[in-house]
Amino acid sequence: MDLILKTDYWNDPKSREAFKRFIKRIHNLDFTTWETAGFWDNQYTPFSYFKGDELISNICIYLLDAVIHDRKTRIAQISGVGTDPLFRRQGLNRKLTRMALEWAEDKSDNGFFLFADEEAIPYYKACGFTPIIEHVEWIEAPKTNKEEGLFKLSPDHPQDFKKIITYVDAGIPASDTFSILNKNLLMFNVLYSMKEQLYEIPDLECLVWFKRRNGCLYIHDIIGRKIPTFRELYPYMTDARDIRVEFHFHTDKLGIKNIKSKPKENSGGFVKGPFPFQKPVFPANSYA
């Protein structure tokens, strides 16, 4: 098979467009919004097989600056994995995975992590990855009086987008136990997964990414110059129907006593190398 191996090709417009087509075709994700907004990240490194002008098999290593146990460090995530259906079962992804891991081995202080769907689990086990159960932290919803001053933002609105950027540029980690320090990845989430669930609380000078479902308030991230305590935060978000509050980041800065932890539903986490957690709460903004 006449294949060409390519990596580090973001400055080649033709190859970059082929990558975008591949990700749209395999993962139904269009990177154009992220690219157009100016947040494409060279730390997101592809290892790809091309046939002619088309990308047919791929894996990406995302080298991420992080805070882990109060220390600035670096960790690597694997994503963008796949092979065109016509070229599967030929070992292409296995070869790319081996090359990518060898390239990144001395660049990450804390090994590798990834999130896999069920059909990919045997593949990652065969590549030497270990399943790890993601956790979330939670408490029973307290009763409190409602505070006014919660405003929904949309990155589609220029004034809101400018305001979001100001918060992101000045923001500090929501946790000193495990946080990802990557503006470009955070903006990817702002433009995609956070898009309909992002709110400002001007009184607390912060943004909050959250949603509600079936009596549970899911708080995914807090972005601000300082991180408010939960006691300060919750009155702006409270709802009489809340039964439980679930946090998708470590809550060490929120001042919560007797926080509880439980396995996350539909966990697909895998790790390899010196991963520093037994029961990790992966920050919601770590998902590439």
Protein backbone atom coordinates (compact mmCIF):
# COMPACT_ATOMS: atom_id res chain seq x y z
CA MET A 1 0.00 0.00 0.00
CA ASP A 2 1.49 3.33 -1.08
CA LEU A 3 1.12 5.36 2.14
CA ILE A 4 2.89 8.51 3.31
CA LEU A 5 3.56 9.13 7.00
CA LYS A 6 3.15 12.76 8.05
CA THR A 7 3.47 14.61 11.35
CA ASP A 8 3.95 18.23 12.41
CA TYR A 9 2.16 19.47 9.29
CA TRP A 10 -0.17 22.22 10.56
CA ASN A 11 1.70 24.80 8.46
CA ASP A 12 0.82 22.86 5.30
CA PRO A 13 -2.71 24.11 4.40
CA LYS A 14 -3.47 21.16 2.12
CA SER A 15 -2.60 18.53 4.74
CA ARG A 16 -4.36 20.49 7.49
CA GLU A 17 -7.55 20.60 5.43
CA ALA A 18 -7.26 16.85 4.86
CA PHE A 19 -6.98 16.39 8.63
CA LYS A 20 -10.12 18.47 9.18
CA ARG A 21 -12.01 16.42 6.58
CA PHE A 22 -10.88 13.21 8.26
CA ILE A 23 -12.00 14.33 11.74
CA LYS A 24 -15.36 15.44 10.33
CA ARG A 25 -15.78 12.13 8.51
CA ILE A 26 -14.70 9.84 11.36
CA HIS A 27 -15.74 11.79 14.47
CA ASN A 28 -18.39 14.15 13.06
CA LEU A 29 -16.54 17.13 14.51
CA ASP A 30 -15.80 20.27 12.49
CA PHE A 31 -12.66 22.10 13.68
CA THR A 32 -13.39 25.14 11.50
CA THR A 33 -14.93 27.24 14.29
CA TRP A 34 -11.93 26.66 16.57
CA GLU A 35 -9.51 27.36 13.72
CA THR A 36 -11.28 30.52 12.52
CA ALA A 37 -11.37 31.92 16.06
CA GLY A 38 -7.56 31.65 16.16
CA PHE A 39 -7.09 28.93 18.77
CA TRP A 40 -5.63 26.09 16.72
CA ASP A 41 -2.88 24.64 18.91
CA ASN A 42 0.53 23.42 17.71
CA GLN A 43 0.79 21.37 20.91
CA TYR A 44 -1.90 19.16 19.33
CA THR A 45 0.42 16.96 17.28
CA PRO A 46 -0.82 14.58 14.55
CA PHE A 47 0.66 11.28 13.41
CA SER A 48 -1.08 10.41 10.16
CA TYR A 49 -1.00 8.09 7.19
CA PHE A 50 -1.97 9.69 3.88
CA LYS A 51 -2.90 8.00 0.64
CA GLY A 52 -2.48 10.63 -2.01
CA ASP A 53 -4.08 13.81 -0.70
CA GLU A 54 -6.40 12.07 1.74
CA LEU A 55 -5.69 11.21 5.36
CA ILE A 56 -6.73 7.60 6.06
CA SER A 57 -5.44 6.84 9.59
CA ASN A 58 -4.58 9.13 12.47
CA ILE A 59 -3.69 9.62 16.13
CA CYS A 60 -2.99 12.92 17.91
CA ILE A 61 -0.95 13.61 21.03
CA TYR A 62 -2.01 16.73 22.95
CA LEU A 63 0.74 17.91 25.30
CA LEU A 64 -1.04 19.77 28.08
CA ASP A 65 0.38 22.03 30.76
CA ALA A 66 -1.29 21.19 34.05
CA VAL A 67 -1.37 21.65 37.81
CA ILE A 68 -1.21 18.28 39.59
CA HIS A 69 -0.94 18.12 43.38
CA ASP A 70 -0.02 21.83 43.61
CA ARG A 71 2.79 21.53 41.06
CA LYS A 72 2.98 22.82 37.49
CA THR A 73 3.73 19.92 35.19
CA ARG A 74 2.81 18.38 31.84
CA ILE A 75 0.55 15.51 30.85
CA ALA A 76 -0.38 14.05 27.46
CA GLN A 77 -3.78 13.14 26.06
CA ILE A 78 -4.44 10.90 23.07
CA SER A 79 -7.32 11.85 20.79
CA GLY A 80 -8.39 12.11 17.16
CA VAL A 81 -7.83 8.37 16.74
CA GLY A 82 -9.31 6.53 13.80
CA THR A 83 -8.91 4.84 10.43
CA ASP A 84 -10.99 5.18 7.31
CA PRO A 85 -13.31 2.13 7.07
CA LEU A 86 -11.73 0.99 3.79
CA PHE A 87 -8.31 0.68 5.45
CA ARG A 88 -9.15 -0.86 8.81
CA ARG A 89 -7.74 -4.13 10.21
CA GLN A 90 -4.35 -3.53 8.63
CA GLY A 91 -2.52 -2.42 11.79
CA LEU A 92 -2.22 1.22 10.74
CA ASN A 93 -3.44 2.73 14.03
CA ARG A 94 -1.27 0.32 16.00
CA LYS A 95 1.83 1.55 14.13
CA LEU A 96 0.85 5.20 14.59
CA THR A 97 0.13 4.68 18.29
CA ARG A 98 3.56 3.14 18.84
CA MET A 99 5.28 6.02 17.01
CA ALA A 100 3.29 8.67 18.86
CA LEU A 101 3.94 7.18 22.29
CA GLU A 102 7.66 6.87 21.60
CA TRP A 103 7.78 10.50 20.43
CA ALA A 104 5.94 11.79 23.51
CA GLU A 105 7.44 9.52 26.17
CA ASP A 106 10.01 12.05 27.41
CA LYS A 107 7.68 15.04 26.91
CA SER A 108 5.05 14.12 29.52
CA ASP A 109 5.85 13.95 33.24
CA ASN A 110 2.66 12.08 34.11
CA GLY A 111 2.08 9.56 31.36
CA PHE A 112 -0.90 9.49 29.02
CA PHE A 113 -4.66 9.51 29.33
CA LEU A 114 -7.54 9.14 26.89
CA PHE A 115 -11.28 8.61 26.72
CA ALA A 116 -12.53 5.66 24.69
CA ASP A 117 -15.91 4.46 23.54
CA GLU A 118 -16.86 0.84 24.23
CA GLU A 119 -15.84 -0.60 20.86
CA ALA A 120 -12.29 0.78 21.23
CA ILE A 121 -11.63 -0.72 24.68
CA PRO A 122 -10.03 -3.98 23.41
CA TYR A 123 -7.71 -1.98 21.16
CA TYR A 124 -6.37 0.24 23.96
CA LYS A 125 -5.93 -2.72 26.29
CA ALA A 126 -3.91 -4.44 23.56
CA CYS A 127 -1.75 -1.27 23.30
CA GLY A 128 -0.87 -1.48 27.00
CA PHE A 129 -3.33 1.06 28.38
CA THR A 130 -5.04 0.43 31.71
CA PRO A 131 -8.72 1.24 32.32
CA ILE A 132 -9.26 3.75 35.08
CA ILE A 133 -12.59 4.68 36.62
CA GLU A 134 -13.28 8.39 36.42
CA HIS A 135 -14.91 9.87 39.51
CA VAL A 136 -17.04 12.90 40.29
CA GLU A 137 -17.41 14.71 43.60
CA TRP A 138 -20.88 15.52 44.93
CA ILE A 139 -22.98 16.78 47.81
CA GLU A 140 -26.65 16.90 48.64
CA ALA A 141 -28.07 20.21 47.45
CA PRO A 142 -28.29 22.67 50.36
CA LYS A 143 -31.25 24.95 50.95
CA THR A 144 -30.40 28.60 50.46
CA ASN A 145 -31.98 31.86 49.44
CA LYS A 146 -31.81 32.84 45.79
CA GLU A 147 -29.40 35.60 44.73
CA GLU A 148 -30.00 37.51 41.50
CA GLY A 149 -27.10 38.12 39.15
CA LEU A 150 -26.58 35.05 36.95
CA PHE A 151 -26.36 35.86 33.22
CA LYS A 152 -26.08 33.48 30.30
CA LEU A 153 -23.32 34.20 27.76
CA SER A 154 -22.94 33.04 24.18
CA PRO A 155 -19.62 32.91 22.29
CA ASP A 156 -21.66 33.65 19.15
CA HIS A 157 -22.27 37.21 20.40
CA PRO A 158 -19.22 39.48 19.92
CA GLN A 159 -19.60 41.32 23.24
CA ASP A 160 -20.04 38.08 25.14
CA PHE A 161 -17.07 36.52 23.34
CA LYS A 162 -14.86 39.48 24.26
CA LYS A 163 -15.97 39.14 27.88
CA ILE A 164 -15.26 35.38 27.87
CA ILE A 165 -11.73 35.96 26.54
CA THR A 166 -11.08 38.48 29.33
CA TYR A 167 -12.07 35.92 31.95
CA VAL A 168 -10.06 33.14 30.32
CA ASP A 169 -6.92 35.29 30.02
CA ALA A 170 -7.07 36.28 33.71
CA GLY A 171 -8.40 32.99 35.08
CA ILE A 172 -6.64 30.78 37.62
CA PRO A 173 -6.97 26.99 37.98
CA ALA A 174 -10.26 25.85 39.51
CA SER A 175 -8.31 23.16 41.40
CA ASP A 176 -4.75 22.74 42.65
CA THR A 177 -5.27 18.97 42.75
CA PHE A 178 -5.74 18.55 38.98
CA SER A 179 -6.29 21.33 36.45
CA ILE A 180 -5.40 21.75 32.79
CA LEU A 181 -3.65 25.03 31.90
CA ASN A 182 -4.33 25.34 28.20
CA LYS A 183 -6.16 28.37 26.81
CA ASN A 184 -6.60 26.87 23.35
CA LEU A 185 -8.25 23.70 24.64
CA LEU A 186 -10.40 25.73 27.03
CA MET A 187 -11.55 27.88 24.12
CA PHE A 188 -12.29 24.73 22.13
CA ASN A 189 -14.71 23.77 24.89
CA VAL A 190 -16.12 27.31 25.05
CA LEU A 191 -16.88 27.12 21.33
CA TYR A 192 -18.31 23.59 21.41
CA SER A 193 -19.30 21.79 24.63
CA MET A 194 -19.67 24.90 26.86
CA LYS A 195 -21.48 26.91 24.23
CA GLU A 196 -25.04 26.60 25.58
CA GLN A 197 -24.14 26.24 29.26
CA LEU A 198 -21.86 29.18 30.10
CA TYR A 199 -22.91 31.84 32.62
CA GLU A 200 -21.40 34.93 34.20
CA ILE A 201 -21.74 35.94 37.85
CA PRO A 202 -20.40 39.53 37.86
CA ASP A 203 -20.65 39.83 41.66
CA LEU A 204 -18.14 36.98 41.99
CA GLU A 205 -16.11 37.94 38.90
CA CYS A 206 -16.35 34.46 37.42
CA LEU A 207 -17.85 32.30 34.70
CA VAL A 208 -19.56 29.00 35.50
CA TRP A 209 -20.17 26.11 33.12
CA PHE A 210 -23.14 24.09 34.36
CA LYS A 211 -26.34 22.27 33.43
CA ARG A 212 -29.30 20.67 35.19
CA ARG A 213 -31.02 17.35 34.66
CA ASN A 214 -33.46 15.31 36.75
CA GLY A 215 -32.82 17.11 40.02
CA CYS A 216 -29.03 17.22 39.65
CA LEU A 217 -26.94 20.34 39.11
CA TYR A 218 -23.79 19.44 37.18
CA ILE A 219 -21.02 22.03 37.62
CA HIS A 220 -18.31 21.46 35.02
CA ASP A 221 -15.93 24.39 35.49
CA ILE A 222 -15.38 27.77 37.12
CA ILE A 223 -13.28 30.43 35.39
CA GLY A 224 -12.21 33.58 37.20
CA ARG A 225 -9.46 35.68 38.76
CA LYS A 226 -10.32 33.91 42.00
CA ILE A 227 -12.38 30.81 42.68
CA PRO A 228 -15.38 31.52 44.92
CA THR A 229 -16.37 29.12 47.65
CA PHE A 230 -19.40 26.95 47.01
CA ARG A 231 -21.21 28.85 49.75
CA GLU A 232 -20.69 32.07 47.77
CA LEU A 233 -21.49 30.48 44.42
CA TYR A 234 -24.55 28.33 44.98
CA PRO A 235 -27.11 31.05 45.87
CA TYR A 236 -26.80 32.38 42.30
CA MET A 237 -27.49 28.91 40.89
CA THR A 238 -29.91 27.39 43.38
CA ASP A 239 -33.17 25.80 42.29
CA ALA A 240 -35.86 24.36 44.57
CA ARG A 241 -35.82 21.16 42.49
CA ASP A 242 -32.13 20.47 43.15
CA ILE A 243 -31.48 17.24 45.01
CA ARG A 244 -27.77 16.80 44.34
CA VAL A 245 -24.85 18.91 43.13
CA GLU A 246 -22.18 17.09 41.11
CA PHE A 247 -18.73 18.53 40.36
CA HIS A 248 -16.68 17.53 37.32
CA PHE A 249 -13.42 18.86 38.74
CA HIS A 250 -11.68 18.50 42.09
CA THR A 251 -13.33 20.76 44.67
CA ASP A 252 -10.31 21.55 46.85
CA LYS A 253 -10.81 25.33 46.43
CA LEU A 254 -14.57 25.41 47.09
CA GLY A 255 -14.46 25.07 50.88
CA ILE A 256 -16.89 22.13 50.98
CA LYS A 257 -16.84 19.93 54.06
CA ASN A 258 -17.57 16.21 53.80
CA ILE A 259 -17.45 16.08 50.01
CA LYS A 260 -18.40 12.68 48.60
CA SER A 261 -16.96 10.85 45.62
CA LYS A 262 -18.48 8.29 43.28
CA PRO A 263 -17.60 6.57 39.98
CA LYS A 264 -18.70 8.48 36.91
CA GLU A 265 -21.34 6.85 34.76
CA ASN A 266 -20.14 5.61 31.36
CA SER A 267 -16.50 6.11 32.29
CA GLY A 268 -14.14 5.39 29.40
CA GLY A 269 -10.86 6.54 30.88
CA PHE A 270 -7.56 4.81 30.09
CA VAL A 271 -4.06 5.66 31.30
CA LYS A 272 -0.50 4.59 30.53
CA GLY A 273 2.73 5.39 32.31
CA PRO A 274 3.14 7.20 35.65
CA PHE A 275 -0.41 8.54 35.92
CA PRO A 276 -0.66 10.24 39.37
CA PHE A 277 -4.25 9.38 40.46
CA GLN A 278 -6.12 6.30 41.62
CA LYS A 279 -9.57 7.92 41.51
CA PRO A 280 -9.22 10.89 39.15
CA VAL A 281 -11.79 13.58 38.65
CA PHE A 282 -10.82 14.55 35.11
CA PRO A 283 -11.49 18.27 34.63
CA ALA A 284 -14.34 18.72 32.17
CA ASN A 285 -12.14 21.11 30.20
CA SER A 286 -9.47 18.43 29.76
CA TYR A 287 -11.44 16.58 27.10
CA ALA A 288 -9.84 17.13 23.69
